[in-house]
Amino acid sequence: MKHKLRSNYKFYSQDLLNNLFKHPYTRVTFVVQDLKVSRITAAGYLNRLAEDRILEKRKIGTGNYYINSKLYELLVNR
């Protein structure tokens, strides 16, 4: 995942990678806090990763959750 993000996305950072693997999901708020970026920037990053099917975007209630499906599968199948 690290190599894929690093080679394909200008916004790659170790902090973003850490955020994506801290839990099997993330939210815009979490990215804002961890990367110290604006909500618009964080949403742009996550939406781009969802468009490219690296994350799965799900709307639950009023918020969007971005699921790291590969991490989720790894955790469930252990």
PDB file of N, CA and C in Angstrom:
ATOM      1  N   MET A   1       0.833  -1.193   0.000  1.00  0.00           N
ATOM      2  CA  MET A   1       0.000   0.000   0.000  1.00  0.00           C
ATOM      3  C   MET A   1       0.877   1.255   0.000  1.00  0.00           C
ATOM      4  N   LYS A   2       1.944   1.230   0.793  1.00  0.00           N
ATOM      5  CA  LYS A   2       2.832   2.390   0.882  1.00  0.00           C
ATOM      6  C   LYS A   2       3.395   2.739  -0.493  1.00  0.00           C
ATOM      7  N   HIS A   3       3.885   1.755  -1.205  1.00  0.00           N
ATOM      8  CA  HIS A   3       4.483   1.996  -2.514  1.00  0.00           C
ATOM      9  C   HIS A   3       3.440   2.474  -3.525  1.00  0.00           C
ATOM     10  N   LYS A   4       2.243   1.914  -3.449  1.00  0.00           N
ATOM     11  CA  LYS A   4       1.167   2.309  -4.355  1.00  0.00           C
ATOM     12  C   LYS A   4       0.778   3.767  -4.126  1.00  0.00           C
ATOM     13  N   LEU A   5       0.609   4.148  -2.866  1.00  0.00           N
ATOM     14  CA  LEU A   5       0.249   5.532  -2.551  1.00  0.00           C
ATOM     15  C   LEU A   5       1.371   6.497  -2.926  1.00  0.00           C
ATOM     16  N   ARG A   6       2.595   6.116  -2.580  1.00  0.00           N
ATOM     17  CA  ARG A   6       3.733   6.996  -2.834  1.00  0.00           C
ATOM     18  C   ARG A   6       3.916   7.264  -4.328  1.00  0.00           C
ATOM     19  N   SER A   7       3.735   6.244  -5.143  1.00  0.00           N
ATOM     20  CA  SER A   7       3.991   6.411  -6.573  1.00  0.00           C
ATOM     21  C   SER A   7       2.812   7.019  -7.343  1.00  0.00           C
ATOM     22  N   ASN A   8       1.604   6.988  -6.789  1.00  0.00           N
ATOM     23  CA  ASN A   8       0.435   7.440  -7.538  1.00  0.00           C
ATOM     24  C   ASN A   8      -0.242   8.708  -7.022  1.00  0.00           C
ATOM     25  N   TYR A   9       0.126   9.171  -5.839  1.00  0.00           N
ATOM     26  CA  TYR A   9      -0.585  10.311  -5.252  1.00  0.00           C
ATOM     27  C   TYR A   9       0.400  11.352  -4.733  1.00  0.00           C
ATOM     28  N   LYS A  10       0.234  12.576  -5.205  1.00  0.00           N
ATOM     29  CA  LYS A  10       1.108  13.668  -4.756  1.00  0.00           C
ATOM     30  C   LYS A  10       0.916  13.980  -3.283  1.00  0.00           C
ATOM     31  N   PHE A  11      -0.259  13.667  -2.768  1.00  0.00           N
ATOM     32  CA  PHE A  11      -0.564  13.996  -1.375  1.00  0.00           C
ATOM     33  C   PHE A  11      -0.144  12.911  -0.388  1.00  0.00           C
ATOM     34  N   TYR A  12       0.602  11.901  -0.860  1.00  0.00           N
ATOM     35  CA  TYR A  12       1.063  10.829   0.029  1.00  0.00           C
ATOM     36  C   TYR A  12       1.909  11.420   1.157  1.00  0.00           C
ATOM     37  N   SER A  13       1.705  10.896   2.351  1.00  0.00           N
ATOM     38  CA  SER A  13       2.589  11.193   3.485  1.00  0.00           C
ATOM     39  C   SER A  13       2.532  10.003   4.434  1.00  0.00           C
ATOM     40  N   GLN A  14       3.554   9.879   5.253  1.00  0.00           N
ATOM     41  CA  GLN A  14       3.567   8.807   6.243  1.00  0.00           C
ATOM     42  C   GLN A  14       2.415   8.971   7.220  1.00  0.00           C
ATOM     43  N   ASP A  15       2.070  10.207   7.543  1.00  0.00           N
ATOM     44  CA  ASP A  15       0.947  10.468   8.451  1.00  0.00           C
ATOM     45  C   ASP A  15      -0.371   9.974   7.855  1.00  0.00           C
ATOM     46  N   LEU A  16      -0.553  10.160   6.549  1.00  0.00           N
ATOM     47  CA  LEU A  16      -1.759   9.658   5.891  1.00  0.00           C
ATOM     48  C   LEU A  16      -1.788   8.132   5.948  1.00  0.00           C
ATOM     49  N   LEU A  17      -0.672   7.510   5.641  1.00  0.00           N
ATOM     50  CA  LEU A  17      -0.603   6.050   5.691  1.00  0.00           C
ATOM     51  C   LEU A  17      -0.902   5.540   7.105  1.00  0.00           C
ATOM     52  N   ASN A  18      -0.329   6.184   8.099  1.00  0.00           N
ATOM     53  CA  ASN A  18      -0.595   5.799   9.493  1.00  0.00           C
ATOM     54  C   ASN A  18      -2.076   5.932   9.820  1.00  0.00           C
ATOM     55  N   ASN A  19      -2.708   6.993   9.332  1.00  0.00           N
ATOM     56  CA  ASN A  19      -4.129   7.207   9.573  1.00  0.00           C
ATOM     57  C   ASN A  19      -4.956   6.089   8.946  1.00  0.00           C
ATOM     58  N   LEU A  20      -4.604   5.686   7.743  1.00  0.00           N
ATOM     59  CA  LEU A  20      -5.373   4.654   7.039  1.00  0.00           C
ATOM     60  C   LEU A  20      -5.260   3.281   7.692  1.00  0.00           C
ATOM     61  N   PHE A  21      -4.189   3.066   8.463  1.00  0.00           N
ATOM     62  CA  PHE A  21      -3.991   1.763   9.095  1.00  0.00           C
ATOM     63  C   PHE A  21      -4.129   1.784  10.611  1.00  0.00           C
ATOM     64  N   LYS A  22      -4.518   2.915  11.171  1.00  0.00           N
ATOM     65  CA  LYS A  22      -4.748   2.998  12.616  1.00  0.00           C
ATOM     66  C   LYS A  22      -5.987   2.183  12.997  1.00  0.00           C
ATOM     67  N   HIS A  23      -7.027   2.275  12.179  1.00  0.00           N
ATOM     68  CA  HIS A  23      -8.283   1.550  12.344  1.00  0.00           C
ATOM     69  C   HIS A  23      -8.714   1.095  10.958  1.00  0.00           C
ATOM     70  N   PRO A  24      -9.657   0.177  10.859  1.00  0.00           N
ATOM     71  CA  PRO A  24     -10.089  -0.260   9.529  1.00  0.00           C
ATOM     72  C   PRO A  24     -10.941   0.782   8.792  1.00  0.00           C
ATOM     73  N   TYR A  25     -11.183   1.923   9.403  1.00  0.00           N
ATOM     74  CA  TYR A  25     -11.918   3.000   8.739  1.00  0.00           C
ATOM     75  C   TYR A  25     -11.333   4.331   9.188  1.00  0.00           C
ATOM     76  N   THR A  26     -11.655   5.365   8.436  1.00  0.00           N
ATOM     77  CA  THR A  26     -11.277   6.713   8.845  1.00  0.00           C
ATOM     78  C   THR A  26     -12.394   7.670   8.451  1.00  0.00           C
ATOM     79  N   ARG A  27     -12.277   8.875   8.905  1.00  0.00           N
ATOM     80  CA  ARG A  27     -13.249   9.934   8.592  1.00  0.00           C
ATOM     81  C   ARG A  27     -12.478  11.198   8.273  1.00  0.00           C
ATOM     82  N   VAL A  28     -13.150  12.151   7.664  1.00  0.00           N
ATOM     83  CA  VAL A  28     -12.523  13.422   7.327  1.00  0.00           C
ATOM     84  C   VAL A  28     -11.947  14.065   8.584  1.00  0.00           C
ATOM     85  N   THR A  29     -12.699  14.030   9.664  1.00  0.00           N
ATOM     86  CA  THR A  29     -12.255  14.633  10.927  1.00  0.00           C
ATOM     87  C   THR A  29     -10.937  14.038  11.402  1.00  0.00           C
ATOM     88  N   PHE A  30     -10.773  12.735  11.272  1.00  0.00           N
ATOM     89  CA  PHE A  30      -9.544  12.082  11.708  1.00  0.00           C
ATOM     90  C   PHE A  30      -8.354  12.545  10.872  1.00  0.00           C
ATOM     91  N   VAL A  31      -8.565  12.677   9.572  1.00  0.00           N
ATOM     92  CA  VAL A  31      -7.485  13.121   8.682  1.00  0.00           C
ATOM     93  C   VAL A  31      -7.122  14.576   8.971  1.00  0.00           C
ATOM     94  N   VAL A  32      -8.123  15.406   9.216  1.00  0.00           N
ATOM     95  CA  VAL A  32      -7.873  16.803   9.576  1.00  0.00           C
ATOM     96  C   VAL A  32      -6.978  16.875  10.809  1.00  0.00           C
ATOM     97  N   GLN A  33      -7.289  16.090  11.826  1.00  0.00           N
ATOM     98  CA  GLN A  33      -6.522  16.105  13.073  1.00  0.00           C
ATOM     99  C   GLN A  33      -5.114  15.550  12.881  1.00  0.00           C
ATOM    100  N   ASP A  34      -4.988  14.434  12.190  1.00  0.00           N
ATOM    101  CA  ASP A  34      -3.694  13.760  12.056  1.00  0.00           C
ATOM    102  C   ASP A  34      -2.752  14.462  11.083  1.00  0.00           C
ATOM    103  N   LEU A  35      -3.289  15.011   9.989  1.00  0.00           N
ATOM    104  CA  LEU A  35      -2.440  15.619   8.958  1.00  0.00           C
ATOM    105  C   LEU A  35      -2.369  17.137   9.056  1.00  0.00           C
ATOM    106  N   LYS A  36      -3.194  17.724   9.932  1.00  0.00           N
ATOM    107  CA  LYS A  36      -3.221  19.185  10.092  1.00  0.00           C
ATOM    108  C   LYS A  36      -3.525  19.881   8.770  1.00  0.00           C
ATOM    109  N   VAL A  37      -4.577  19.394   8.089  1.00  0.00           N
ATOM    110  CA  VAL A  37      -5.039  19.995   6.831  1.00  0.00           C
ATOM    111  C   VAL A  37      -6.488  20.444   7.021  1.00  0.00           C
ATOM    112  N   SER A  38      -7.001  21.191   6.053  1.00  0.00           N
ATOM    113  CA  SER A  38      -8.388  21.658   6.133  1.00  0.00           C
ATOM    114  C   SER A  38      -9.348  20.505   5.845  1.00  0.00           C
ATOM    115  N   ARG A  39     -10.605  20.709   6.194  1.00  0.00           N
ATOM    116  CA  ARG A  39     -11.632  19.693   5.925  1.00  0.00           C
ATOM    117  C   ARG A  39     -11.769  19.449   4.424  1.00  0.00           C
ATOM    118  N   ILE A  40     -11.687  20.505   3.639  1.00  0.00           N
ATOM    119  CA  ILE A  40     -11.815  20.373   2.181  1.00  0.00           C
ATOM    120  C   ILE A  40     -10.671  19.531   1.619  1.00  0.00           C
ATOM    121  N   THR A  41      -9.466  19.788   2.089  1.00  0.00           N
ATOM    122  CA  THR A  41      -8.294  19.024   1.636  1.00  0.00           C
ATOM    123  C   THR A  41      -8.419  17.567   2.060  1.00  0.00           C
ATOM    124  N   ALA A  42      -8.780  17.326   3.312  1.00  0.00           N
ATOM    125  CA  ALA A  42      -8.924  15.956   3.818  1.00  0.00           C
ATOM    126  C   ALA A  42     -10.000  15.203   3.036  1.00  0.00           C
ATOM    127  N   ALA A  43     -11.126  15.848   2.793  1.00  0.00           N
ATOM    128  CA  ALA A  43     -12.203  15.212   2.021  1.00  0.00           C
ATOM    129  C   ALA A  43     -11.731  14.907   0.604  1.00  0.00           C
ATOM    130  N   GLY A  44     -10.958  15.804   0.021  1.00  0.00           N
ATOM    131  CA  GLY A  44     -10.422  15.574  -1.313  1.00  0.00           C
ATOM    132  C   GLY A  44      -9.515  14.355  -1.359  1.00  0.00           C
ATOM    133  N   TYR A  45      -8.636  14.236  -0.377  1.00  0.00           N
ATOM    134  CA  TYR A  45      -7.743  13.070  -0.311  1.00  0.00           C
ATOM    135  C   TYR A  45      -8.558  11.775  -0.227  1.00  0.00           C
ATOM    136  N   LEU A  46      -9.496  11.739   0.715  1.00  0.00           N
ATOM    137  CA  LEU A  46     -10.258  10.511   0.946  1.00  0.00           C
ATOM    138  C   LEU A  46     -11.178  10.185  -0.226  1.00  0.00           C
ATOM    139  N   ASN A  47     -11.789  11.194  -0.805  1.00  0.00           N
ATOM    140  CA  ASN A  47     -12.650  10.942  -1.964  1.00  0.00           C
ATOM    141  C   ASN A  47     -11.850  10.427  -3.153  1.00  0.00           C
ATOM    142  N   ARG A  48     -10.664  10.960  -3.344  1.00  0.00           N
ATOM    143  CA  ARG A  48      -9.809  10.473  -4.438  1.00  0.00           C
ATOM    144  C   ARG A  48      -9.431   9.012  -4.216  1.00  0.00           C
ATOM    145  N   LEU A  49      -9.073   8.654  -2.990  1.00  0.00           N
ATOM    146  CA  LEU A  49      -8.731   7.260  -2.673  1.00  0.00           C
ATOM    147  C   LEU A  49      -9.949   6.358  -2.831  1.00  0.00           C
ATOM    148  N   ALA A  50     -11.132   6.865  -2.533  1.00  0.00           N
ATOM    149  CA  ALA A  50     -12.359   6.082  -2.714  1.00  0.00           C
ATOM    150  C   ALA A  50     -12.674   5.916  -4.203  1.00  0.00           C
ATOM    151  N   GLU A  51     -12.485   6.972  -4.984  1.00  0.00           N
ATOM    152  CA  GLU A  51     -12.713   6.876  -6.431  1.00  0.00           C
ATOM    153  C   GLU A  51     -11.806   5.833  -7.070  1.00  0.00           C
ATOM    154  N   ASP A  52     -10.587   5.732  -6.563  1.00  0.00           N
ATOM    155  CA  ASP A  52      -9.613   4.771  -7.090  1.00  0.00           C
ATOM    156  C   ASP A  52      -9.709   3.402  -6.423  1.00  0.00           C
ATOM    157  N   ARG A  53     -10.730   3.240  -5.602  1.00  0.00           N
ATOM    158  CA  ARG A  53     -11.044   1.968  -4.929  1.00  0.00           C
ATOM    159  C   ARG A  53      -9.961   1.480  -3.958  1.00  0.00           C
ATOM    160  N   ILE A  54      -9.219   2.408  -3.413  1.00  0.00           N
ATOM    161  CA  ILE A  54      -8.282   2.061  -2.353  1.00  0.00           C
ATOM    162  C   ILE A  54      -9.034   2.034  -1.033  1.00  0.00           C
ATOM    163  N   LEU A  55      -9.998   2.929  -0.895  1.00  0.00           N
ATOM    164  CA  LEU A  55     -10.905   2.948   0.247  1.00  0.00           C
ATOM    165  C   LEU A  55     -12.326   2.783  -0.266  1.00  0.00           C
ATOM    166  N   GLU A  56     -13.195   2.348   0.613  1.00  0.00           N
ATOM    167  CA  GLU A  56     -14.616   2.229   0.269  1.00  0.00           C
ATOM    168  C   GLU A  56     -15.379   3.295   1.051  1.00  0.00           C
ATOM    169  N   LYS A  57     -16.064   4.168   0.342  1.00  0.00           N
ATOM    170  CA  LYS A  57     -16.798   5.263   0.982  1.00  0.00           C
ATOM    171  C   LYS A  57     -18.214   4.806   1.293  1.00  0.00           C
ATOM    172  N   ARG A  58     -18.610   4.990   2.554  1.00  0.00           N
ATOM    173  CA  ARG A  58     -19.975   4.663   2.973  1.00  0.00           C
ATOM    174  C   ARG A  58     -20.549   5.813   3.779  1.00  0.00           C
ATOM    175  N   LYS A  59     -21.764   6.172   3.441  1.00  0.00           N
ATOM    176  CA  LYS A  59     -22.459   7.213   4.192  1.00  0.00           C
ATOM    177  C   LYS A  59     -23.281   6.522   5.277  1.00  0.00           C
ATOM    178  N   ILE A  60     -23.008   6.866   6.508  1.00  0.00           N
ATOM    179  CA  ILE A  60     -23.735   6.307   7.643  1.00  0.00           C
ATOM    180  C   ILE A  60     -24.257   7.493   8.447  1.00  0.00           C
ATOM    181  N   GLY A  61     -25.567   7.601   8.508  1.00  0.00           N
ATOM    182  CA  GLY A  61     -26.169   8.761   9.163  1.00  0.00           C
ATOM    183  C   GLY A  61     -25.845   9.991   8.356  1.00  0.00           C
ATOM    184  N   THR A  62     -25.260  10.979   9.011  1.00  0.00           N
ATOM    185  CA  THR A  62     -24.913  12.213   8.313  1.00  0.00           C
ATOM    186  C   THR A  62     -23.445  12.278   7.914  1.00  0.00           C
ATOM    187  N   GLY A  63     -22.666  11.277   8.293  1.00  0.00           N
ATOM    188  CA  GLY A  63     -21.232  11.315   8.018  1.00  0.00           C
ATOM    189  C   GLY A  63     -20.777  10.266   7.026  1.00  0.00           C
ATOM    190  N   ASN A  64     -19.626  10.514   6.432  1.00  0.00           N
ATOM    191  CA  ASN A  64     -19.005   9.559   5.534  1.00  0.00           C
ATOM    192  C   ASN A  64     -17.885   8.822   6.259  1.00  0.00           C
ATOM    193  N   TYR A  65     -17.845   7.530   6.066  1.00  0.00           N
ATOM    194  CA  TYR A  65     -16.790   6.689   6.594  1.00  0.00           C
ATOM    195  C   TYR A  65     -16.025   6.113   5.413  1.00  0.00           C
ATOM    196  N   TYR A  66     -14.724   6.065   5.526  1.00  0.00           N
ATOM    197  CA  TYR A  66     -13.875   5.547   4.465  1.00  0.00           C
ATOM    198  C   TYR A  66     -13.211   4.287   4.991  1.00  0.00           C
ATOM    199  N   ILE A  67     -13.608   3.162   4.437  1.00  0.00           N
ATOM    200  CA  ILE A  67     -13.203   1.860   4.959  1.00  0.00           C
ATOM    201  C   ILE A  67     -12.001   1.330   4.195  1.00  0.00           C
ATOM    202  N   ASN A  68     -11.004   0.919   4.940  1.00  0.00           N
ATOM    203  CA  ASN A  68      -9.830   0.264   4.372  1.00  0.00           C
ATOM    204  C   ASN A  68     -10.187  -1.224   4.289  1.00  0.00           C
ATOM    205  N   SER A  69     -10.783  -1.620   3.188  1.00  0.00           N
ATOM    206  CA  SER A  69     -11.324  -2.975   3.028  1.00  0.00           C
ATOM    207  C   SER A  69     -10.267  -4.058   3.191  1.00  0.00           C
ATOM    208  N   LYS A  70      -9.072  -3.811   2.686  1.00  0.00           N
ATOM    209  CA  LYS A  70      -8.007  -4.817   2.797  1.00  0.00           C
ATOM    210  C   LYS A  70      -7.620  -5.044   4.246  1.00  0.00           C
ATOM    211  N   LEU A  71      -7.515  -3.977   5.018  1.00  0.00           N
ATOM    212  CA  LEU A  71      -7.213  -4.112   6.439  1.00  0.00           C
ATOM    213  C   LEU A  71      -8.366  -4.791   7.158  1.00  0.00           C
ATOM    214  N   TYR A  72      -9.582  -4.407   6.834  1.00  0.00           N
ATOM    215  CA  TYR A  72     -10.759  -5.011   7.440  1.00  0.00           C
ATOM    216  C   TYR A  72     -10.782  -6.521   7.196  1.00  0.00           C
ATOM    217  N   GLU A  73     -10.564  -6.932   5.965  1.00  0.00           N
ATOM    218  CA  GLU A  73     -10.546  -8.364   5.619  1.00  0.00           C
ATOM    219  C   GLU A  73      -9.464  -9.099   6.380  1.00  0.00           C
ATOM    220  N   LEU A  74      -8.315  -8.500   6.484  1.00  0.00           N
ATOM    221  CA  LEU A  74      -7.205  -9.107   7.230  1.00  0.00           C
ATOM    222  C   LEU A  74      -7.577  -9.324   8.693  1.00  0.00           C
ATOM    223  N   LEU A  75      -8.213  -8.349   9.298  1.00  0.00           N
ATOM    224  CA  LEU A  75      -8.606  -8.446  10.699  1.00  0.00           C
ATOM    225  C   LEU A  75      -9.729  -9.472  10.918  1.00  0.00           C
ATOM    226  N   VAL A  76     -10.681  -9.505  10.008  1.00  0.00           N
ATOM    227  CA  VAL A  76     -11.833 -10.407  10.136  1.00  0.00           C
ATOM    228  C   VAL A  76     -11.412 -11.859   9.929  1.00  0.00           C
ATOM    229  N   ASN A  77     -10.507 -12.092   9.019  1.00  0.00           N
ATOM    230  CA  ASN A  77     -10.112 -13.459   8.672  1.00  0.00           C
ATOM    231  C   ASN A  77      -9.002 -14.025   9.550  1.00  0.00           C
ATOM    232  N   ARG A  78      -8.624 -13.337  10.576  1.00  0.00           N
ATOM    233  CA  ARG A  78      -7.559 -13.839  11.459  1.00  0.00           C
ATOM    234  C   ARG A  78      -8.109 -14.825  12.419  1.00  0.00           C
TER     235      ARG A  78
END
